[in-house]
Each structure stands twice: as structure tokens, then as C-alpha cells.
Amino acid sequence: MFNGSTIKSKDNARLKFARRVRDGKEARFMFIEGARLCDEALSSNIAIASCFVSEGLLESRSANILKSKMISSEVESFVVPDALLKSISDTKTPQGIVLIARRARRMDPVEGLSHTTAGSLWIYLYQVNNPSNLGGVVRTAEAAGAKGILLSPGSADPFSPKALRSSMGSAFRLPIVEGFAPEKMLSTAKDKGISVTAVHATGENSFTNVDWNKPRLLIFGSEAEGLPDGLVSKANESIRIPMHGKVESLNLAVSAGIVLFEAKRQWDSKG
């Protein structure tokens, strides 16, 4: 049976802490909301610090499944009235459950790239500051089999509530490195023998004319700004997604999906 303590006051210290995490004011923690995303978190190898469940959710079927996972994981849990849960929610229609979890240990990007082998693909996002777009790329990258995500300074927080909802749990599993400067990325890739491939509207080759079976670091820019010419010129090659009509660009996650699943197609065809 679920036996979490009951919180009745909006000024409760634990609710205040949850709001700080939600607002990005507690750098070591992340705010996870919604039944499906919380289920992903409870099934992943991340440390859950606390759980808040609304009174209205307690008797639902989905809540029973989550409650059993929380009990088995020994997560510190609290029951709150629906109105109080809404006071910490990051969504307009709260689903009745919020988890506060510790962020994963920061991976050393140099160490990670050192283990890159044939057919390995890392993604570098340059100043992608829309959290929903970033989360969509993380989800797509995991689905396609990429090794991890590297983020430049000036990119959105991949563990913000919006980015987490967009990644649908992939951010709990895929290695993500923040604050990796372009110069460091380029020098590390060169030292490790990894080809740097920039996706650009005027790229030299179509993405289908690339051998994705060699180690690569694939660079995308933001939807608004794209990649600066200086960074494109320093890549080993640039590629484009040929398009018909007057369409100039695609959603970032869509572009990533098109390119990444071409890479996956080539990997799969090699057996």
C-alpha cells in the first residue's frame, strides 16, 4: 500500500524546493512530470530524490503501477491535494505526479569519443536554444542508435522540464554533455580520427552520398540561425538535405531524423 506523507501547505519546504528545481535554480536536480515520463524515470538508472502524487491520482490504474515502482525503489513520497500539485506543475493540465531526481554524472566527452568505433555517430548541437527542439533531437538520436549528444555553450538545458517531456525519457539513457566548446569539439575529433560532418543548407553533398559506416561527429545548428560559416568551413565535410519547392528549412528534429535514419539504414545493411 502507498503510504506517503501528506502535505497540506503551499509553503511546505519540499514544495518550495520542487519549484526551485522546476525553475532551473537547483543545478544538481531535474523536475520530471507526468505518468509516462515518471514511469520512464523509475525504470531508468537515475537517482530519484522524491515523489509528489496528487490525491486525485491515487486510485487510478496508472498510479498503482507507479506506486509499486516507487515502493520497490524506496522513493520518498508525498501525497498532496490536486490544487497544491498544480502549484508546482510545469504544465497547464497536471497529470498528478512529479518526481525530483538527481542529474546524471557529467560524462567526459574526450573519454566518450575515445571509445568511438566504425559506424559510431555522435551529435553536436550548436547553440540550439529551444528546449523542445533539443529534446526531440535527443529522442531521435536514441531511436536511431547514436552514441550521445554534445552541446555547445549557449544551448538549452537538456534536463529542463520542457526538454525532458520532448525527449520522452531518452535523456535518462543517452549520454549528454553540456558546455562543450566548438574548438574543443573540433580538436578532440581530429585527435581521435573522427570525421566532422556539418549539416548545412548549402552543403557540398547530399546526406545520402555519405558513408555512415565510418566514425562521425554530426553537427547541427539551431532552426533560427543554423551553423555559422566559420564552423562549417572547419568541418571535414558539409552535407545538405535536398528539398523540393520553396521550402528553405525543416524542423531540427525532423532534419536530424532524416539524416540519422539514413545512417541507421546503412548500418543495418552491413549486418
C-alpha atoms as a PDB file:
ATOM      1  CA  MET A   1       0.000   0.000   0.000  1.00  0.00           C
ATOM      2  CA  PHE A   2       1.205   3.523  -0.795  1.00  0.00           C
ATOM      3  CA  ASN A   3       1.869   5.310   2.496  1.00  0.00           C
ATOM      4  CA  GLY A   4       3.422   8.636   1.528  1.00  0.00           C
ATOM      5  CA  SER A   5       3.236  11.518   3.965  1.00  0.00           C
ATOM      6  CA  THR A   6       0.578  14.162   3.310  1.00  0.00           C
ATOM      7  CA  ILE A   7       1.489  17.772   2.547  1.00  0.00           C
ATOM      8  CA  LYS A   8      -1.224  20.378   3.107  1.00  0.00           C
ATOM      9  CA  SER A   9       0.598  23.714   2.904  1.00  0.00           C
ATOM     10  CA  LYS A  10       1.716  25.545  -0.241  1.00  0.00           C
ATOM     11  CA  ASP A  11       4.627  26.909   1.796  1.00  0.00           C
ATOM     12  CA  ASN A  12       5.962  23.451   2.668  1.00  0.00           C
ATOM     13  CA  ALA A  13       9.751  23.377   2.300  1.00  0.00           C
ATOM     14  CA  ARG A  14       9.681  20.351  -0.018  1.00  0.00           C
ATOM     15  CA  LEU A  15       7.216  22.036  -2.373  1.00  0.00           C
ATOM     16  CA  LYS A  16       9.354  25.177  -2.366  1.00  0.00           C
ATOM     17  CA  PHE A  17      12.361  23.062  -3.304  1.00  0.00           C
ATOM     18  CA  ALA A  18      10.379  21.390  -6.105  1.00  0.00           C
ATOM     19  CA  ARG A  19       9.530  24.819  -7.532  1.00  0.00           C
ATOM     20  CA  ARG A  20      13.198  25.824  -7.493  1.00  0.00           C
ATOM     21  CA  VAL A  21      14.099  22.650  -9.374  1.00  0.00           C
ATOM     22  CA  ARG A  22      11.283  23.309 -11.871  1.00  0.00           C
ATOM     23  CA  ASP A  23      12.601  26.841 -12.448  1.00  0.00           C
ATOM     24  CA  GLY A  24      16.186  25.668 -13.002  1.00  0.00           C
ATOM     25  CA  LYS A  25      17.508  27.071  -9.726  1.00  0.00           C
ATOM     26  CA  GLU A  26      18.864  23.766  -8.407  1.00  0.00           C
ATOM     27  CA  ALA A  27      21.553  22.701 -10.874  1.00  0.00           C
ATOM     28  CA  ARG A  28      22.037  19.203  -9.451  1.00  0.00           C
ATOM     29  CA  PHE A  29      18.399  18.153  -9.840  1.00  0.00           C
ATOM     30  CA  MET A  30      15.760  17.775 -12.547  1.00  0.00           C
ATOM     31  CA  PHE A  31      11.976  18.115 -12.486  1.00  0.00           C
ATOM     32  CA  ILE A  32      10.089  15.179 -14.044  1.00  0.00           C
ATOM     33  CA  GLU A  33       6.344  15.411 -14.568  1.00  0.00           C
ATOM     34  CA  GLY A  34       3.618  13.182 -15.966  1.00  0.00           C
ATOM     35  CA  ALA A  35       2.768   9.497 -15.613  1.00  0.00           C
ATOM     36  CA  ARG A  36       4.626   8.247 -18.701  1.00  0.00           C
ATOM     37  CA  LEU A  37       7.785  10.280 -18.147  1.00  0.00           C
ATOM     38  CA  CYS A  38       7.853   9.385 -14.450  1.00  0.00           C
ATOM     39  CA  ASP A  39       7.477   5.721 -15.369  1.00  0.00           C
ATOM     40  CA  GLU A  40      10.479   6.067 -17.721  1.00  0.00           C
ATOM     41  CA  ALA A  41      12.472   7.699 -14.928  1.00  0.00           C
ATOM     42  CA  LEU A  42      11.607   4.994 -12.417  1.00  0.00           C
ATOM     43  CA  SER A  43      12.669   2.361 -14.946  1.00  0.00           C
ATOM     44  CA  SER A  44      15.963   4.106 -15.720  1.00  0.00           C
ATOM     45  CA  ASN A  45      19.238   4.185 -13.858  1.00  0.00           C
ATOM     46  CA  ILE A  46      18.800   7.613 -12.271  1.00  0.00           C
ATOM     47  CA  ALA A  47      18.541   8.557  -8.613  1.00  0.00           C
ATOM     48  CA  ILE A  48      15.044   9.685  -7.621  1.00  0.00           C
ATOM     49  CA  ALA A  49      15.104  12.028  -4.642  1.00  0.00           C
ATOM     50  CA  SER A  50      11.370  12.453  -4.008  1.00  0.00           C
ATOM     51  CA  CYS A  51       7.915  11.985  -5.471  1.00  0.00           C
ATOM     52  CA  PHE A  52       4.716  14.054  -5.218  1.00  0.00           C
ATOM     53  CA  VAL A  53       1.386  12.403  -6.048  1.00  0.00           C
ATOM     54  CA  SER A  54      -1.983  14.174  -6.138  1.00  0.00           C
ATOM     55  CA  GLU A  55      -4.892  12.835  -4.102  1.00  0.00           C
ATOM     56  CA  GLY A  56      -6.913  12.555  -7.304  1.00  0.00           C
ATOM     57  CA  LEU A  57      -4.401  10.222  -8.953  1.00  0.00           C
ATOM     58  CA  LEU A  58      -4.014   7.811  -6.064  1.00  0.00           C
ATOM     59  CA  GLU A  59      -6.754   5.399  -7.074  1.00  0.00           C
ATOM     60  CA  SER A  60      -6.084   5.290 -10.824  1.00  0.00           C
ATOM     61  CA  ARG A  61      -4.611   2.244 -12.541  1.00  0.00           C
ATOM     62  CA  SER A  62      -1.543   4.102 -13.798  1.00  0.00           C
ATOM     63  CA  ALA A  63      -0.927   5.362 -10.286  1.00  0.00           C
ATOM     64  CA  ASN A  64      -1.000   1.812  -8.919  1.00  0.00           C
ATOM     65  CA  ILE A  65       1.760   0.774 -11.328  1.00  0.00           C
ATOM     66  CA  LEU A  66       3.849   3.816 -10.425  1.00  0.00           C
ATOM     67  CA  LYS A  67       3.229   3.342  -6.719  1.00  0.00           C
ATOM     68  CA  SER A  68       4.593  -0.203  -6.822  1.00  0.00           C
ATOM     69  CA  LYS A  69       7.741   1.047  -8.554  1.00  0.00           C
ATOM     70  CA  MET A  70       8.171   3.846  -6.017  1.00  0.00           C
ATOM     71  CA  ILE A  71       7.798   1.449  -3.120  1.00  0.00           C
ATOM     72  CA  SER A  72      10.263  -1.047  -4.599  1.00  0.00           C
ATOM     73  CA  SER A  73      12.713   1.802  -5.293  1.00  0.00           C
ATOM     74  CA  GLU A  74      12.228   3.200  -1.780  1.00  0.00           C
ATOM     75  CA  VAL A  75      11.465   6.651  -3.166  1.00  0.00           C
ATOM     76  CA  GLU A  76      10.477   9.215  -0.527  1.00  0.00           C
ATOM     77  CA  SER A  77       6.878  10.024  -1.489  1.00  0.00           C
ATOM     78  CA  PHE A  78       4.297  12.656  -0.579  1.00  0.00           C
ATOM     79  CA  VAL A  79       0.574  12.986  -1.163  1.00  0.00           C
ATOM     80  CA  VAL A  80      -0.676  16.490  -1.968  1.00  0.00           C
ATOM     81  CA  PRO A  81      -4.113  17.933  -2.780  1.00  0.00           C
ATOM     82  CA  ASP A  82      -4.672  18.481  -6.503  1.00  0.00           C
ATOM     83  CA  ALA A  83      -4.502  22.273  -6.087  1.00  0.00           C
ATOM     84  CA  LEU A  84      -1.083  22.045  -4.412  1.00  0.00           C
ATOM     85  CA  LEU A  85       0.302  19.787  -7.100  1.00  0.00           C
ATOM     86  CA  LYS A  86      -0.863  22.346  -9.642  1.00  0.00           C
ATOM     87  CA  SER A  87       1.172  24.963  -7.765  1.00  0.00           C
ATOM     88  CA  ILE A  88       4.413  23.128  -8.608  1.00  0.00           C
ATOM     89  CA  SER A  89       3.401  21.815 -12.037  1.00  0.00           C
ATOM     90  CA  ASP A  90       5.115  22.993 -15.234  1.00  0.00           C
ATOM     91  CA  THR A  91       2.115  22.100 -17.415  1.00  0.00           C
ATOM     92  CA  LYS A  92      -1.360  23.583 -17.865  1.00  0.00           C
ATOM     93  CA  THR A  93      -3.024  20.222 -17.222  1.00  0.00           C
ATOM     94  CA  PRO A  94      -1.063  18.376 -14.500  1.00  0.00           C
ATOM     95  CA  GLN A  95      -1.204  14.579 -14.614  1.00  0.00           C
ATOM     96  CA  GLY A  96      -0.935  14.196 -10.864  1.00  0.00           C
ATOM     97  CA  ILE A  97       2.658  13.098 -10.369  1.00  0.00           C
ATOM     98  CA  VAL A  98       6.044  14.822 -10.131  1.00  0.00           C
ATOM     99  CA  LEU A  99       9.478  13.353  -9.448  1.00  0.00           C
ATOM    100  CA  ILE A 100      12.577  15.214  -8.310  1.00  0.00           C
ATOM    101  CA  ALA A 101      15.715  13.388  -9.448  1.00  0.00           C
ATOM    102  CA  ARG A 102      19.445  13.937  -9.456  1.00  0.00           C
ATOM    103  CA  ARG A 103      21.057  14.670 -12.771  1.00  0.00           C
ATOM    104  CA  ALA A 104      23.334  12.036 -14.204  1.00  0.00           C
ATOM    105  CA  ARG A 105      27.076  12.360 -13.677  1.00  0.00           C
ATOM    106  CA  ARG A 106      28.623  14.569 -16.329  1.00  0.00           C
ATOM    107  CA  MET A 107      30.354  12.432 -18.923  1.00  0.00           C
ATOM    108  CA  ASP A 108      33.887  13.303 -20.037  1.00  0.00           C
ATOM    109  CA  PRO A 109      33.446  13.947 -23.793  1.00  0.00           C
ATOM    110  CA  VAL A 110      37.088  13.194 -24.573  1.00  0.00           C
ATOM    111  CA  GLU A 111      36.772   9.837 -22.842  1.00  0.00           C
ATOM    112  CA  GLY A 112      33.491   9.134 -24.621  1.00  0.00           C
ATOM    113  CA  LEU A 113      34.871   9.922 -28.070  1.00  0.00           C
ATOM    114  CA  SER A 114      37.902   7.750 -27.314  1.00  0.00           C
ATOM    115  CA  HIS A 115      35.668   4.675 -27.475  1.00  0.00           C
ATOM    116  CA  THR A 116      34.201   5.554 -30.876  1.00  0.00           C
ATOM    117  CA  THR A 117      34.431   2.699 -33.387  1.00  0.00           C
ATOM    118  CA  ALA A 118      33.443   2.155 -37.021  1.00  0.00           C
ATOM    119  CA  GLY A 119      29.802   3.086 -37.537  1.00  0.00           C
ATOM    120  CA  SER A 120      29.704   5.204 -34.378  1.00  0.00           C
ATOM    121  CA  LEU A 121      27.929   8.535 -34.584  1.00  0.00           C
ATOM    122  CA  TRP A 122      27.901  11.413 -32.111  1.00  0.00           C
ATOM    123  CA  ILE A 123      25.784  14.552 -32.492  1.00  0.00           C
ATOM    124  CA  TYR A 124      26.980  18.072 -31.743  1.00  0.00           C
ATOM    125  CA  LEU A 125      24.303  20.758 -31.333  1.00  0.00           C
ATOM    126  CA  TYR A 126      25.486  24.323 -31.762  1.00  0.00           C
ATOM    127  CA  GLN A 127      23.515  26.912 -29.750  1.00  0.00           C
ATOM    128  CA  VAL A 128      20.225  25.055 -30.024  1.00  0.00           C
ATOM    129  CA  ASN A 129      18.285  27.117 -27.504  1.00  0.00           C
ATOM    130  CA  ASN A 130      14.764  25.755 -27.993  1.00  0.00           C
ATOM    131  CA  PRO A 131      14.298  23.042 -25.324  1.00  0.00           C
ATOM    132  CA  SER A 132      11.527  21.251 -27.225  1.00  0.00           C
ATOM    133  CA  ASN A 133      13.643  21.007 -30.378  1.00  0.00           C
ATOM    134  CA  LEU A 134      16.625  19.840 -28.355  1.00  0.00           C
ATOM    135  CA  GLY A 135      14.576  17.178 -26.596  1.00  0.00           C
ATOM    136  CA  GLY A 136      13.215  15.998 -29.943  1.00  0.00           C
ATOM    137  CA  VAL A 137      16.755  15.510 -31.255  1.00  0.00           C
ATOM    138  CA  VAL A 138      17.718  13.548 -28.120  1.00  0.00           C
ATOM    139  CA  ARG A 139      14.760  11.214 -28.624  1.00  0.00           C
ATOM    140  CA  THR A 140      15.540  10.797 -32.326  1.00  0.00           C
ATOM    141  CA  ALA A 141      19.216  10.162 -31.608  1.00  0.00           C
ATOM    142  CA  GLU A 142      18.462   7.319 -29.211  1.00  0.00           C
ATOM    143  CA  ALA A 143      15.955   5.778 -31.626  1.00  0.00           C
ATOM    144  CA  ALA A 144      18.498   5.814 -34.462  1.00  0.00           C
ATOM    145  CA  GLY A 145      21.347   4.393 -32.374  1.00  0.00           C
ATOM    146  CA  ALA A 146      23.600   7.441 -31.979  1.00  0.00           C
ATOM    147  CA  LYS A 147      26.206   7.248 -29.212  1.00  0.00           C
ATOM    148  CA  GLY A 148      25.429  10.548 -27.498  1.00  0.00           C
ATOM    149  CA  ILE A 149      24.773  14.282 -27.673  1.00  0.00           C
ATOM    150  CA  LEU A 150      27.327  17.071 -27.248  1.00  0.00           C
ATOM    151  CA  LEU A 151      26.017  20.597 -26.615  1.00  0.00           C
ATOM    152  CA  SER A 152      27.806  23.872 -27.222  1.00  0.00           C
ATOM    153  CA  PRO A 153      27.699  26.740 -24.717  1.00  0.00           C
ATOM    154  CA  GLY A 154      24.534  28.758 -25.270  1.00  0.00           C
ATOM    155  CA  SER A 155      22.369  25.699 -25.851  1.00  0.00           C
ATOM    156  CA  ALA A 156      19.181  24.979 -23.916  1.00  0.00           C
ATOM    157  CA  ASP A 157      19.192  22.880 -20.764  1.00  0.00           C
ATOM    158  CA  PRO A 158      18.568  19.263 -21.902  1.00  0.00           C
ATOM    159  CA  PHE A 159      17.191  18.418 -18.453  1.00  0.00           C
ATOM    160  CA  SER A 160      14.683  21.276 -18.205  1.00  0.00           C
ATOM    161  CA  PRO A 161      11.033  20.171 -17.878  1.00  0.00           C
ATOM    162  CA  LYS A 162      10.208  21.067 -21.494  1.00  0.00           C
ATOM    163  CA  ALA A 163      13.258  19.301 -22.916  1.00  0.00           C
ATOM    164  CA  LEU A 164      12.599  16.200 -20.807  1.00  0.00           C
ATOM    165  CA  ARG A 165       8.987  15.995 -21.951  1.00  0.00           C
ATOM    166  CA  SER A 166      10.102  16.296 -25.571  1.00  0.00           C
ATOM    167  CA  SER A 167      12.801  13.626 -25.201  1.00  0.00           C
ATOM    168  CA  MET A 168      10.235  11.231 -23.639  1.00  0.00           C
ATOM    169  CA  GLY A 169      12.791   9.516 -21.412  1.00  0.00           C
ATOM    170  CA  SER A 170      15.701   9.336 -23.857  1.00  0.00           C
ATOM    171  CA  ALA A 171      17.592  11.962 -21.830  1.00  0.00           C
ATOM    172  CA  PHE A 172      17.668   9.489 -18.918  1.00  0.00           C
ATOM    173  CA  ARG A 173      19.599   6.964 -21.007  1.00  0.00           C
ATOM    174  CA  LEU A 174      21.582   8.684 -23.766  1.00  0.00           C
ATOM    175  CA  PRO A 175      24.922  10.283 -22.767  1.00  0.00           C
ATOM    176  CA  ILE A 176      24.611  14.091 -22.919  1.00  0.00           C
ATOM    177  CA  VAL A 177      27.472  16.559 -22.474  1.00  0.00           C
ATOM    178  CA  GLU A 178      26.801  20.263 -21.900  1.00  0.00           C
ATOM    179  CA  GLY A 179      29.064  23.257 -22.475  1.00  0.00           C
ATOM    180  CA  PHE A 180      31.432  21.577 -24.973  1.00  0.00           C
ATOM    181  CA  ALA A 181      33.101  24.441 -26.865  1.00  0.00           C
ATOM    182  CA  PRO A 182      33.336  24.167 -30.690  1.00  0.00           C
ATOM    183  CA  GLU A 183      37.138  24.477 -30.657  1.00  0.00           C
ATOM    184  CA  LYS A 184      37.418  21.619 -28.174  1.00  0.00           C
ATOM    185  CA  MET A 185      34.988  19.536 -30.184  1.00  0.00           C
ATOM    186  CA  LEU A 186      36.966  20.021 -33.400  1.00  0.00           C
ATOM    187  CA  SER A 187      40.357  19.312 -31.842  1.00  0.00           C
ATOM    188  CA  THR A 188      39.090  16.228 -29.988  1.00  0.00           C
ATOM    189  CA  ALA A 189      37.504  14.790 -33.126  1.00  0.00           C
ATOM    190  CA  LYS A 190      40.716  15.369 -35.079  1.00  0.00           C
ATOM    191  CA  ASP A 191      42.828  13.705 -32.381  1.00  0.00           C
ATOM    192  CA  LYS A 192      40.525  10.664 -32.322  1.00  0.00           C
ATOM    193  CA  GLY A 193      40.297  10.308 -36.096  1.00  0.00           C
ATOM    194  CA  ILE A 194      36.596  11.142 -36.202  1.00  0.00           C
ATOM    195  CA  SER A 195      35.192  12.867 -39.284  1.00  0.00           C
ATOM    196  CA  VAL A 196      33.275  16.076 -38.502  1.00  0.00           C
ATOM    197  CA  THR A 197      30.220  16.448 -40.746  1.00  0.00           C
ATOM    198  CA  ALA A 198      28.198  19.684 -40.734  1.00  0.00           C
ATOM    199  CA  VAL A 199      24.549  19.772 -41.839  1.00  0.00           C
ATOM    200  CA  HIS A 200      24.026  22.988 -43.778  1.00  0.00           C
ATOM    201  CA  ALA A 201      21.529  24.307 -46.330  1.00  0.00           C
ATOM    202  CA  THR A 202      24.305  24.699 -48.919  1.00  0.00           C
ATOM    203  CA  GLY A 203      26.230  21.551 -48.015  1.00  0.00           C
ATOM    204  CA  GLU A 204      28.549  20.062 -50.603  1.00  0.00           C
ATOM    205  CA  ASN A 205      26.952  16.603 -50.710  1.00  0.00           C
ATOM    206  CA  SER A 206      23.546  15.069 -50.175  1.00  0.00           C
ATOM    207  CA  PHE A 207      23.235  13.172 -46.880  1.00  0.00           C
ATOM    208  CA  THR A 208      22.576  10.012 -48.920  1.00  0.00           C
ATOM    209  CA  ASN A 209      26.012  10.231 -50.580  1.00  0.00           C
ATOM    210  CA  VAL A 210      27.885   9.784 -47.302  1.00  0.00           C
ATOM    211  CA  ASP A 211      29.481   6.616 -45.953  1.00  0.00           C
ATOM    212  CA  TRP A 212      27.958   6.484 -42.469  1.00  0.00           C
ATOM    213  CA  ASN A 213      29.942   3.382 -41.578  1.00  0.00           C
ATOM    214  CA  LYS A 214      32.980   5.458 -40.601  1.00  0.00           C
ATOM    215  CA  PRO A 215      33.145   7.243 -37.217  1.00  0.00           C
ATOM    216  CA  ARG A 216      31.466  10.633 -37.452  1.00  0.00           C
ATOM    217  CA  LEU A 217      30.551  13.645 -35.398  1.00  0.00           C
ATOM    218  CA  LEU A 218      27.453  15.221 -36.925  1.00  0.00           C
ATOM    219  CA  ILE A 219      26.874  18.960 -36.347  1.00  0.00           C
ATOM    220  CA  PHE A 220      23.507  20.742 -36.394  1.00  0.00           C
ATOM    221  CA  GLY A 221      22.732  24.397 -35.698  1.00  0.00           C
ATOM    222  CA  SER A 222      19.558  25.977 -34.385  1.00  0.00           C
ATOM    223  CA  GLU A 223      16.459  26.374 -36.559  1.00  0.00           C
ATOM    224  CA  ALA A 224      16.686  30.152 -36.329  1.00  0.00           C
ATOM    225  CA  GLU A 225      20.389  30.669 -37.026  1.00  0.00           C
ATOM    226  CA  GLY A 226      21.757  27.432 -38.443  1.00  0.00           C
ATOM    227  CA  LEU A 227      25.525  26.956 -38.359  1.00  0.00           C
ATOM    228  CA  PRO A 228      27.987  29.855 -38.735  1.00  0.00           C
ATOM    229  CA  ASP A 229      30.087  29.698 -41.886  1.00  0.00           C
ATOM    230  CA  GLY A 230      33.258  29.649 -39.797  1.00  0.00           C
ATOM    231  CA  LEU A 231      32.252  26.404 -38.115  1.00  0.00           C
ATOM    232  CA  VAL A 232      31.078  24.805 -41.360  1.00  0.00           C
ATOM    233  CA  SER A 233      34.409  25.603 -43.020  1.00  0.00           C
ATOM    234  CA  LYS A 234      36.316  23.842 -40.214  1.00  0.00           C
ATOM    235  CA  ALA A 235      34.336  20.606 -40.614  1.00  0.00           C
ATOM    236  CA  ASN A 236      35.740  17.795 -42.730  1.00  0.00           C
ATOM    237  CA  GLU A 237      32.688  17.991 -44.952  1.00  0.00           C
ATOM    238  CA  SER A 238      29.236  19.569 -45.180  1.00  0.00           C
ATOM    239  CA  ILE A 239      26.031  17.870 -46.230  1.00  0.00           C
ATOM    240  CA  ARG A 240      22.518  19.005 -47.126  1.00  0.00           C
ATOM    241  CA  ILE A 241      19.014  17.558 -47.274  1.00  0.00           C
ATOM    242  CA  PRO A 242      17.751  18.146 -50.841  1.00  0.00           C
ATOM    243  CA  MET A 243      14.234  19.625 -50.838  1.00  0.00           C
ATOM    244  CA  HIS A 244      11.574  20.399 -53.439  1.00  0.00           C
ATOM    245  CA  GLY A 245       9.567  23.564 -53.869  1.00  0.00           C
ATOM    246  CA  LYS A 246      10.226  26.758 -51.961  1.00  0.00           C
ATOM    247  CA  VAL A 247      10.832  25.140 -48.554  1.00  0.00           C
ATOM    248  CA  GLU A 248      14.064  26.542 -47.151  1.00  0.00           C
ATOM    249  CA  SER A 249      14.417  24.523 -43.961  1.00  0.00           C
ATOM    250  CA  LEU A 250      12.933  21.794 -41.791  1.00  0.00           C
ATOM    251  CA  ASN A 251      12.244  21.395 -38.101  1.00  0.00           C
ATOM    252  CA  LEU A 252      15.502  20.492 -36.354  1.00  0.00           C
ATOM    253  CA  ALA A 253      14.284  17.145 -35.003  1.00  0.00           C
ATOM    254  CA  VAL A 254      12.883  16.263 -38.450  1.00  0.00           C
ATOM    255  CA  SER A 255      16.214  17.097 -40.102  1.00  0.00           C
ATOM    256  CA  ALA A 256      18.072  15.029 -37.521  1.00  0.00           C
ATOM    257  CA  GLY A 257      15.701  12.126 -38.073  1.00  0.00           C
ATOM    258  CA  ILE A 258      16.163  12.157 -41.841  1.00  0.00           C
ATOM    259  CA  VAL A 259      19.949  12.101 -41.602  1.00  0.00           C
ATOM    260  CA  LEU A 260      20.224   9.729 -38.630  1.00  0.00           C
ATOM    261  CA  PHE A 261      17.916   7.116 -40.085  1.00  0.00           C
ATOM    262  CA  GLU A 262      19.876   7.131 -43.333  1.00  0.00           C
ATOM    263  CA  ALA A 263      22.912   6.331 -41.187  1.00  0.00           C
ATOM    264  CA  LYS A 264      20.943   3.592 -39.424  1.00  0.00           C
ATOM    265  CA  ARG A 265      19.838   2.175 -42.781  1.00  0.00           C
ATOM    266  CA  GLN A 266      23.469   1.859 -43.850  1.00  0.00           C
ATOM    267  CA  TRP A 267      24.491   0.307 -40.518  1.00  0.00           C
ATOM    268  CA  ASP A 268      21.677  -2.228 -40.733  1.00  0.00           C
ATOM    269  CA  SER A 269      22.534  -3.132 -44.324  1.00  0.00           C
ATOM    270  CA  LYS A 270      26.060  -4.046 -43.218  1.00  0.00           C
ATOM    271  CA  GLY A 271      24.553  -6.655 -40.911  1.00  0.00           C
END
